[in-house]
Full PDB file with SEQRES, HELIX, SHEET, SSBOND, CRYST1, ORIGX, SCALE, CONECT and MASTER records, all heavy atoms in Angstrom:
SEQRES   1 A   34  SER VAL ALA VAL LEU ALA ARG HIS GLY ALA ARG SER SER          
SEQRES   2 A   34  ALA ALA PRO PRO ARG MET LEU ALA GLN ILE ALA ARG ASN          
SEQRES   3 A   34  PRO TYR VAL TRP SER CYS ALA ILE                              
HELIX    1 AA1 VAL A    2  HIS A    8  1                                   7    
HELIX    2 AA2 PRO A   16  ARG A   25  1                                  10    
HELIX    3 AA3 PRO A   27  ALA A   33  1                                   7    
CRYST1    1.000    1.000    1.000  90.00  90.00  90.00 P 1           1          
ORIGX1      1.000000  0.000000  0.000000        0.00000                         
ORIGX2      0.000000  1.000000  0.000000        0.00000                         
ORIGX3      0.000000  0.000000  1.000000        0.00000                         
SCALE1      1.000000  0.000000  0.000000        0.00000                         
SCALE2      0.000000  1.000000  0.000000        0.00000                         
SCALE3      0.000000  0.000000  1.000000        0.00000                         
ATOM      1  N   SER A   1      97.832   9.234  78.118  1.00  0.00           N  
ATOM      2  CA  SER A   1      97.347   8.265  79.067  1.00  0.00           C  
ATOM      3  C   SER A   1      97.817   8.566  80.445  1.00  0.00           C  
ATOM      4  O   SER A   1      97.051   8.459  81.428  1.00  0.00           O  
ATOM      5  CB  SER A   1      97.879   6.819  78.653  1.00  0.00           C  
ATOM      6  OG  SER A   1      97.345   6.466  77.404  1.00  0.00           O  
ATOM      7  N   VAL A   2      99.082   8.957  80.608  1.00  0.00           N  
ATOM      8  CA  VAL A   2      99.616   9.296  81.944  1.00  0.00           C  
ATOM      9  C   VAL A   2      98.858  10.497  82.505  1.00  0.00           C  
ATOM     10  O   VAL A   2      98.505  10.540  83.690  1.00  0.00           O  
ATOM     11  CB  VAL A   2     101.151   9.552  81.906  1.00  0.00           C  
ATOM     12  CG1 VAL A   2     101.635  10.121  83.224  1.00  0.00           C  
ATOM     13  CG2 VAL A   2     101.854   8.232  81.601  1.00  0.00           C  
ATOM     14  N   ALA A   3      98.593  11.497  81.655  1.00  0.00           N  
ATOM     15  CA  ALA A   3      97.860  12.707  82.107  1.00  0.00           C  
ATOM     16  C   ALA A   3      96.450  12.359  82.578  1.00  0.00           C  
ATOM     17  O   ALA A   3      96.013  12.851  83.637  1.00  0.00           O  
ATOM     18  CB  ALA A   3      97.822  13.747  80.986  1.00  0.00           C  
ATOM     19  N   VAL A   4      95.768  11.460  81.863  1.00  0.00           N  
ATOM     20  CA  VAL A   4      94.408  11.100  82.211  1.00  0.00           C  
ATOM     21  C   VAL A   4      94.412  10.302  83.501  1.00  0.00           C  
ATOM     22  O   VAL A   4      93.602  10.519  84.409  1.00  0.00           O  
ATOM     23  CB  VAL A   4      93.731  10.294  81.084  1.00  0.00           C  
ATOM     24  CG1 VAL A   4      92.456   9.629  81.577  1.00  0.00           C  
ATOM     25  CG2 VAL A   4      93.439  11.193  79.933  1.00  0.00           C  
ATOM     26  N   LEU A   5      95.377   9.392  83.686  1.00  0.00           N  
ATOM     27  CA  LEU A   5      95.468   8.634  84.907  1.00  0.00           C  
ATOM     28  C   LEU A   5      95.866   9.508  86.100  1.00  0.00           C  
ATOM     29  O   LEU A   5      95.375   9.344  87.196  1.00  0.00           O  
ATOM     30  CB  LEU A   5      96.430   7.454  84.748  1.00  0.00           C  
ATOM     31  CG  LEU A   5      95.893   6.260  84.039  1.00  0.00           C  
ATOM     32  CD1 LEU A   5      96.992   5.424  83.396  1.00  0.00           C  
ATOM     33  CD2 LEU A   5      95.128   5.369  85.041  1.00  0.00           C  
ATOM     34  N   ALA A   6      96.783  10.471  85.820  1.00  0.00           N  
ATOM     35  CA  ALA A   6      97.189  11.369  86.913  1.00  0.00           C  
ATOM     36  C   ALA A   6      95.998  12.234  87.394  1.00  0.00           C  
ATOM     37  O   ALA A   6      95.935  12.559  88.583  1.00  0.00           O  
ATOM     38  CB  ALA A   6      98.335  12.285  86.420  1.00  0.00           C  
ATOM     39  N   ARG A   7      95.066  12.499  86.480  1.00  0.00           N  
ATOM     40  CA  ARG A   7      93.886  13.311  86.870  1.00  0.00           C  
ATOM     41  C   ARG A   7      92.752  12.526  87.380  1.00  0.00           C  
ATOM     42  O   ARG A   7      92.052  12.943  88.331  1.00  0.00           O  
ATOM     43  CB  ARG A   7      93.426  14.118  85.599  1.00  0.00           C  
ATOM     44  CG  ARG A   7      92.203  14.951  85.820  1.00  0.00           C  
ATOM     45  CD  ARG A   7      92.523  16.095  86.830  1.00  0.00           C  
ATOM     46  NE  ARG A   7      91.312  16.898  87.105  1.00  0.00           N  
ATOM     47  CZ  ARG A   7      90.431  16.619  88.028  1.00  0.00           C  
ATOM     48  NH1 ARG A   7      90.550  15.514  88.792  1.00  0.00           N  
ATOM     49  NH2 ARG A   7      89.372  17.401  88.253  1.00  0.00           N  
ATOM     50  N   HIS A   8      92.489  11.318  86.837  1.00  0.00           N  
ATOM     51  CA  HIS A   8      91.271  10.570  87.186  1.00  0.00           C  
ATOM     52  C   HIS A   8      91.529   9.172  87.813  1.00  0.00           C  
ATOM     53  O   HIS A   8      90.565   8.540  88.189  1.00  0.00           O  
ATOM     54  CB  HIS A   8      90.413  10.392  85.906  1.00  0.00           C  
ATOM     55  CG  HIS A   8      89.985  11.671  85.252  1.00  0.00           C  
ATOM     56  ND1 HIS A   8      89.110  12.536  85.873  1.00  0.00           N  
ATOM     57  CD2 HIS A   8      90.362  12.280  84.111  1.00  0.00           C  
ATOM     58  CE1 HIS A   8      88.923  13.594  85.111  1.00  0.00           C  
ATOM     59  NE2 HIS A   8      89.657  13.447  84.003  1.00  0.00           N  
ATOM     60  N   GLY A   9      92.776   8.790  87.936  1.00  0.00           N  
ATOM     61  CA  GLY A   9      93.019   7.465  88.548  1.00  0.00           C  
ATOM     62  C   GLY A   9      92.822   7.525  90.029  1.00  0.00           C  
ATOM     63  O   GLY A   9      92.619   8.580  90.653  1.00  0.00           O  
ATOM     64  N   ALA A  10      92.902   6.303  90.671  1.00  0.00           N  
ATOM     65  CA  ALA A  10      92.609   6.223  92.099  1.00  0.00           C  
ATOM     66  C   ALA A  10      93.659   6.996  92.940  1.00  0.00           C  
ATOM     67  O   ALA A  10      93.381   7.423  94.040  1.00  0.00           O  
ATOM     68  CB  ALA A  10      92.591   4.742  92.529  1.00  0.00           C  
ATOM     69  N   ARG A  11      94.837   7.182  92.368  1.00  0.00           N  
ATOM     70  CA  ARG A  11      95.904   7.927  93.053  1.00  0.00           C  
ATOM     71  C   ARG A  11      96.090   9.303  92.407  1.00  0.00           C  
ATOM     72  O   ARG A  11      97.238   9.828  92.403  1.00  0.00           O  
ATOM     73  CB  ARG A  11      97.182   7.112  93.067  1.00  0.00           C  
ATOM     74  CG  ARG A  11      97.051   5.836  93.914  1.00  0.00           C  
ATOM     75  CD  ARG A  11      98.392   5.112  94.005  1.00  0.00           C  
ATOM     76  NE  ARG A  11      98.801   4.387  92.846  1.00  0.00           N  
ATOM     77  CZ  ARG A  11      98.371   3.192  92.580  1.00  0.00           C  
ATOM     78  NH1 ARG A  11      97.515   2.547  93.381  1.00  0.00           N  
ATOM     79  NH2 ARG A  11      98.743   2.531  91.482  1.00  0.00           N  
ATOM     80  N   SER A  12      95.036   9.879  91.866  1.00  0.00           N  
ATOM     81  CA  SER A  12      95.169  11.114  91.145  1.00  0.00           C  
ATOM     82  C   SER A  12      95.310  12.314  92.089  1.00  0.00           C  
ATOM     83  O   SER A  12      95.032  12.244  93.258  1.00  0.00           O  
ATOM     84  CB  SER A  12      93.947  11.311  90.258  1.00  0.00           C  
ATOM     85  OG  SER A  12      92.786  11.465  91.028  1.00  0.00           O  
ATOM     86  N   SER A  13      95.734  13.407  91.490  1.00  0.00           N  
ATOM     87  CA  SER A  13      95.800  14.695  92.190  1.00  0.00           C  
ATOM     88  C   SER A  13      95.281  15.778  91.280  1.00  0.00           C  
ATOM     89  O   SER A  13      95.679  15.834  90.118  1.00  0.00           O  
ATOM     90  CB  SER A  13      97.266  15.012  92.599  1.00  0.00           C  
ATOM     91  OG  SER A  13      97.376  16.310  93.075  1.00  0.00           O  
ATOM     92  N   ALA A  14      94.400  16.589  91.792  1.00  0.00           N  
ATOM     93  CA  ALA A  14      93.822  17.636  90.970  1.00  0.00           C  
ATOM     94  C   ALA A  14      94.785  18.803  90.802  1.00  0.00           C  
ATOM     95  O   ALA A  14      94.588  19.674  89.964  1.00  0.00           O  
ATOM     96  CB  ALA A  14      92.491  18.136  91.576  1.00  0.00           C  
ATOM     97  N   ALA A  15      95.806  18.942  91.640  1.00  0.00           N  
ATOM     98  CA  ALA A  15      96.732  20.057  91.602  1.00  0.00           C  
ATOM     99  C   ALA A  15      97.586  19.934  90.353  1.00  0.00           C  
ATOM    100  O   ALA A  15      98.326  18.959  90.217  1.00  0.00           O  
ATOM    101  CB  ALA A  15      97.581  20.058  92.879  1.00  0.00           C  
ATOM    102  N   PRO A  16      97.643  20.939  89.458  1.00  0.00           N  
ATOM    103  CA  PRO A  16      98.418  20.856  88.266  1.00  0.00           C  
ATOM    104  C   PRO A  16      99.910  20.580  88.456  1.00  0.00           C  
ATOM    105  O   PRO A  16     100.472  19.780  87.742  1.00  0.00           O  
ATOM    106  CB  PRO A  16      98.197  22.239  87.614  1.00  0.00           C  
ATOM    107  CG  PRO A  16      96.860  22.669  88.093  1.00  0.00           C  
ATOM    108  CD  PRO A  16      96.756  22.129  89.502  1.00  0.00           C  
ATOM    109  N   PRO A  17     100.566  21.186  89.486  1.00  0.00           N  
ATOM    110  CA  PRO A  17     101.982  20.892  89.692  1.00  0.00           C  
ATOM    111  C   PRO A  17     102.226  19.422  90.000  1.00  0.00           C  
ATOM    112  O   PRO A  17     103.180  18.815  89.479  1.00  0.00           O  
ATOM    113  CB  PRO A  17     102.386  21.785  90.862  1.00  0.00           C  
ATOM    114  CG  PRO A  17     101.393  22.881  90.827  1.00  0.00           C  
ATOM    115  CD  PRO A  17     100.107  22.284  90.377  1.00  0.00           C  
ATOM    116  N   ARG A  18     101.319  18.804  90.812  1.00  0.00           N  
ATOM    117  CA  ARG A  18     101.525  17.386  91.117  1.00  0.00           C  
ATOM    118  C   ARG A  18     101.234  16.508  89.944  1.00  0.00           C  
ATOM    119  O   ARG A  18     101.896  15.472  89.745  1.00  0.00           O  
ATOM    120  CB  ARG A  18     100.631  17.012  92.307  1.00  0.00           C  
ATOM    121  CG  ARG A  18     101.009  17.674  93.597  1.00  0.00           C  
ATOM    122  CD  ARG A  18     100.262  17.121  94.808  1.00  0.00           C  
ATOM    123  NE  ARG A  18     100.577  15.693  94.998  1.00  0.00           N  
ATOM    124  CZ  ARG A  18      99.967  14.932  95.891  1.00  0.00           C  
ATOM    125  NH1 ARG A  18      99.049  15.453  96.664  1.00  0.00           N  
ATOM    126  NH2 ARG A  18     100.291  13.683  96.018  1.00  0.00           N  
ATOM    127  N   MET A  19     100.234  16.906  89.108  1.00  0.00           N  
ATOM    128  CA  MET A  19      99.929  16.153  87.878  1.00  0.00           C  
ATOM    129  C   MET A  19     101.146  16.192  86.933  1.00  0.00           C  
ATOM    130  O   MET A  19     101.536  15.175  86.379  1.00  0.00           O  
ATOM    131  CB  MET A  19      98.720  16.752  87.160  1.00  0.00           C  
ATOM    132  CG  MET A  19      97.409  16.347  87.779  1.00  0.00           C  
ATOM    133  SD  MET A  19      96.005  17.080  86.841  1.00  0.00           S  
ATOM    134  CE  MET A  19      96.341  16.389  85.189  1.00  0.00           C  
ATOM    135  N   LEU A  20     101.762  17.373  86.783  1.00  0.00           N  
ATOM    136  CA  LEU A  20     102.886  17.511  85.899  1.00  0.00           C  
ATOM    137  C   LEU A  20     104.062  16.693  86.445  1.00  0.00           C  
ATOM    138  O   LEU A  20     104.812  16.080  85.653  1.00  0.00           O  
ATOM    139  CB  LEU A  20     103.290  18.968  85.773  1.00  0.00           C  
ATOM    140  CG  LEU A  20     102.300  19.846  84.960  1.00  0.00           C  
ATOM    141  CD1 LEU A  20     102.729  21.316  85.044  1.00  0.00           C  
ATOM    142  CD2 LEU A  20     102.214  19.418  83.546  1.00  0.00           C  
ATOM    143  N   ALA A  21     104.218  16.667  87.758  1.00  0.00           N  
ATOM    144  CA  ALA A  21     105.291  15.853  88.367  1.00  0.00           C  
ATOM    145  C   ALA A  21     105.127  14.401  88.097  1.00  0.00           C  
ATOM    146  O   ALA A  21     106.097  13.640  87.777  1.00  0.00           O  
ATOM    147  CB  ALA A  21     105.372  16.152  89.864  1.00  0.00           C  
ATOM    148  N   GLN A  22     103.872  13.892  88.169  1.00  0.00           N  
ATOM    149  CA  GLN A  22     103.550  12.505  87.895  1.00  0.00           C  
ATOM    150  C   GLN A  22     103.897  12.188  86.438  1.00  0.00           C  
ATOM    151  O   GLN A  22     104.457  11.135  86.149  1.00  0.00           O  
ATOM    152  CB  GLN A  22     102.104  12.199  88.142  1.00  0.00           C  
ATOM    153  CG  GLN A  22     101.734  12.011  89.647  1.00  0.00           C  
ATOM    154  CD  GLN A  22     100.285  11.586  89.827  1.00  0.00           C  
ATOM    155  OE1 GLN A  22      99.384  12.415  89.750  1.00  0.00           O  
ATOM    156  NE2 GLN A  22     100.051  10.314  90.004  1.00  0.00           N  
ATOM    157  N   ILE A  23     103.535  13.111  85.535  1.00  0.00           N  
ATOM    158  CA  ILE A  23     103.833  12.864  84.127  1.00  0.00           C  
ATOM    159  C   ILE A  23     105.321  12.843  83.854  1.00  0.00           C  
ATOM    160  O   ILE A  23     105.853  11.959  83.155  1.00  0.00           O  
ATOM    161  CB  ILE A  23     103.162  13.975  83.234  1.00  0.00           C  
ATOM    162  CG1 ILE A  23     101.621  13.826  83.346  1.00  0.00           C  
ATOM    163  CG2 ILE A  23     103.632  13.869  81.789  1.00  0.00           C  
ATOM    164  CD1 ILE A  23     100.864  14.993  82.683  1.00  0.00           C  
ATOM    165  N   ALA A  24     106.071  13.784  84.492  1.00  0.00           N  
ATOM    166  CA  ALA A  24     107.527  13.909  84.261  1.00  0.00           C  
ATOM    167  C   ALA A  24     108.238  12.658  84.814  1.00  0.00           C  
ATOM    168  O   ALA A  24     109.269  12.250  84.254  1.00  0.00           O  
ATOM    169  CB  ALA A  24     108.046  15.171  84.921  1.00  0.00           C  
ATOM    170  N   ARG A  25     107.721  12.066  85.894  1.00  0.00           N  
ATOM    171  CA  ARG A  25     108.374  10.913  86.491  1.00  0.00           C  
ATOM    172  C   ARG A  25     108.059   9.603  85.783  1.00  0.00           C  
ATOM    173  O   ARG A  25     108.705   8.587  86.045  1.00  0.00           O  
ATOM    174  CB  ARG A  25     108.003  10.803  87.963  1.00  0.00           C  
ATOM    175  CG  ARG A  25     108.555  11.830  88.881  1.00  0.00           C  
ATOM    176  CD  ARG A  25     108.423  11.427  90.322  1.00  0.00           C  
ATOM    177  NE  ARG A  25     107.084  11.090  90.693  1.00  0.00           N  
ATOM    178  CZ  ARG A  25     106.212  11.928  91.250  1.00  0.00           C  
ATOM    179  NH1 ARG A  25     106.540  13.171  91.471  1.00  0.00           N  
ATOM    180  NH2 ARG A  25     104.970  11.524  91.583  1.00  0.00           N  
ATOM    181  N   ASN A  26     107.048   9.592  84.936  1.00  0.00           N  
ATOM    182  CA  ASN A  26     106.624   8.329  84.332  1.00  0.00           C  
ATOM    183  C   ASN A  26     107.679   7.792  83.423  1.00  0.00           C  
ATOM    184  O   ASN A  26     108.215   8.479  82.523  1.00  0.00           O  
ATOM    185  CB  ASN A  26     105.295   8.562  83.545  1.00  0.00           C  
ATOM    186  CG  ASN A  26     104.705   7.285  83.048  1.00  0.00           C  
ATOM    187  OD1 ASN A  26     105.046   6.811  81.959  1.00  0.00           O  
ATOM    188  ND2 ASN A  26     103.833   6.661  83.824  1.00  0.00           N  
ATOM    189  N   PRO A  27     108.030   6.477  83.550  1.00  0.00           N  
ATOM    190  CA  PRO A  27     109.146   5.904  82.729  1.00  0.00           C  
ATOM    191  C   PRO A  27     108.759   5.847  81.249  1.00  0.00           C  
ATOM    192  O   PRO A  27     109.656   5.896  80.381  1.00  0.00           O  
ATOM    193  CB  PRO A  27     109.283   4.530  83.314  1.00  0.00           C  
ATOM    194  CG  PRO A  27     108.035   4.239  84.060  1.00  0.00           C  
ATOM    195  CD  PRO A  27     107.580   5.530  84.587  1.00  0.00           C  
ATOM    196  N   TYR A  28     107.462   5.766  80.902  1.00  0.00           N  
ATOM    197  CA  TYR A  28     107.110   5.732  79.500  1.00  0.00           C  
ATOM    198  C   TYR A  28     107.389   7.091  78.825  1.00  0.00           C  
ATOM    199  O   TYR A  28     107.791   7.131  77.669  1.00  0.00           O  
ATOM    200  CB  TYR A  28     105.626   5.392  79.315  1.00  0.00           C  
ATOM    201  CG  TYR A  28     105.195   3.995  79.697  1.00  0.00           C  
ATOM    202  CD1 TYR A  28     106.115   3.100  80.250  1.00  0.00           C  
ATOM    203  CD2 TYR A  28     103.887   3.529  79.505  1.00  0.00           C  
ATOM    204  CE1 TYR A  28     105.738   1.764  80.567  1.00  0.00           C  
ATOM    205  CE2 TYR A  28     103.521   2.247  79.835  1.00  0.00           C  
ATOM    206  CZ  TYR A  28     104.415   1.378  80.401  1.00  0.00           C  
ATOM    207  OH  TYR A  28     104.054   0.110  80.727  1.00  0.00           O  
ATOM    208  N   VAL A  29     107.199   8.132  79.535  1.00  0.00           N  
ATOM    209  CA  VAL A  29     107.404   9.467  78.993  1.00  0.00           C  
ATOM    210  C   VAL A  29     108.872   9.734  78.800  1.00  0.00           C  
ATOM    211  O   VAL A  29     109.298  10.184  77.681  1.00  0.00           O  
ATOM    212  CB  VAL A  29     106.721  10.517  79.903  1.00  0.00           C  
ATOM    213  CG1 VAL A  29     107.081  11.963  79.418  1.00  0.00           C  
ATOM    214  CG2 VAL A  29     105.199  10.327  79.955  1.00  0.00           C  
ATOM    215  N   TRP A  30     109.685   9.490  79.794  1.00  0.00           N  
ATOM    216  CA  TRP A  30     111.096   9.816  79.612  1.00  0.00           C  
ATOM    217  C   TRP A  30     111.785   8.886  78.631  1.00  0.00           C  
ATOM    218  O   TRP A  30     112.773   9.236  78.024  1.00  0.00           O  
ATOM    219  CB  TRP A  30     111.841   9.971  80.948  1.00  0.00           C  
ATOM    220  CG  TRP A  30     111.852   8.796  81.871  1.00  0.00           C  
ATOM    221  CD1 TRP A  30     111.180   8.738  83.076  1.00  0.00           C  
ATOM    222  CD2 TRP A  30     112.516   7.576  81.802  1.00  0.00           C  
ATOM    223  NE1 TRP A  30     111.421   7.527  83.717  1.00  0.00           N  
ATOM    224  CE2 TRP A  30     112.287   6.788  83.002  1.00  0.00           C  
ATOM    225  CE3 TRP A  30     113.390   6.999  80.860  1.00  0.00           C  
ATOM    226  CZ2 TRP A  30     112.810   5.514  83.200  1.00  0.00           C  
ATOM    227  CZ3 TRP A  30     113.933   5.713  81.074  1.00  0.00           C  
ATOM    228  CH2 TRP A  30     113.605   5.026  82.203  1.00  0.00           C  
ATOM    229  N   SER A  31     111.260   7.647  78.516  1.00  0.00           N  
ATOM    230  CA  SER A  31     111.887   6.760  77.524  1.00  0.00           C  
ATOM    231  C   SER A  31     111.581   7.184  76.104  1.00  0.00           C  
ATOM    232  O   SER A  31     112.401   7.036  75.180  1.00  0.00           O  
ATOM    233  CB  SER A  31     111.400   5.310  77.751  1.00  0.00           C  
ATOM    234  OG  SER A  31     110.004   5.183  77.702  1.00  0.00           O  
ATOM    235  N   CYS A  32     110.352   7.788  75.904  1.00  0.00           N  
ATOM    236  CA  CYS A  32     110.047   8.415  74.627  1.00  0.00           C  
ATOM    237  C   CYS A  32     110.984   9.525  74.327  1.00  0.00           C  
ATOM    238  O   CYS A  32     111.485   9.687  73.171  1.00  0.00           O  
ATOM    239  CB  CYS A  32     108.599   8.939  74.611  1.00  0.00           C  
ATOM    240  SG  CYS A  32     107.308   7.703  74.602  1.00  0.00           S  
ATOM    241  N   ALA A  33     111.310  10.364  75.330  1.00  0.00           N  
ATOM    242  CA  ALA A  33     112.183  11.506  75.160  1.00  0.00           C  
ATOM    243  C   ALA A  33     113.613  10.993  74.776  1.00  0.00           C  
ATOM    244  O   ALA A  33     114.247  11.581  73.858  1.00  0.00           O  
ATOM    245  CB  ALA A  33     112.226  12.377  76.386  1.00  0.00           C  
ATOM    246  N   ILE A  34     114.060   9.965  75.434  1.00  0.00           N  
ATOM    247  CA  ILE A  34     115.412   9.429  75.131  1.00  0.00           C  
ATOM    248  C   ILE A  34     115.486   8.866  73.720  1.00  0.00           C  
ATOM    249  O   ILE A  34     116.381   9.156  72.960  1.00  0.00           O  
ATOM    250  CB  ILE A  34     115.779   8.362  76.201  1.00  0.00           C  
ATOM    251  CG1 ILE A  34     115.970   8.971  77.567  1.00  0.00           C  
ATOM    252  CG2 ILE A  34     117.060   7.596  75.716  1.00  0.00           C  
ATOM    253  CD1 ILE A  34     116.136   7.939  78.670  1.00  0.00           C  
TER     254      ILE A  34                                                      
MASTER        0    0    0    3    0    0    0    6  253    1    0    3          
END                                                                             
């Protein structure tokens, strides 16, 4: 979900590094990892 929003949301970025950064910063993702 974060990846799709990072790519197609209103505040999306097509650049892969910025997309990955958005995914890495997302609290849902790091809470899953913890």
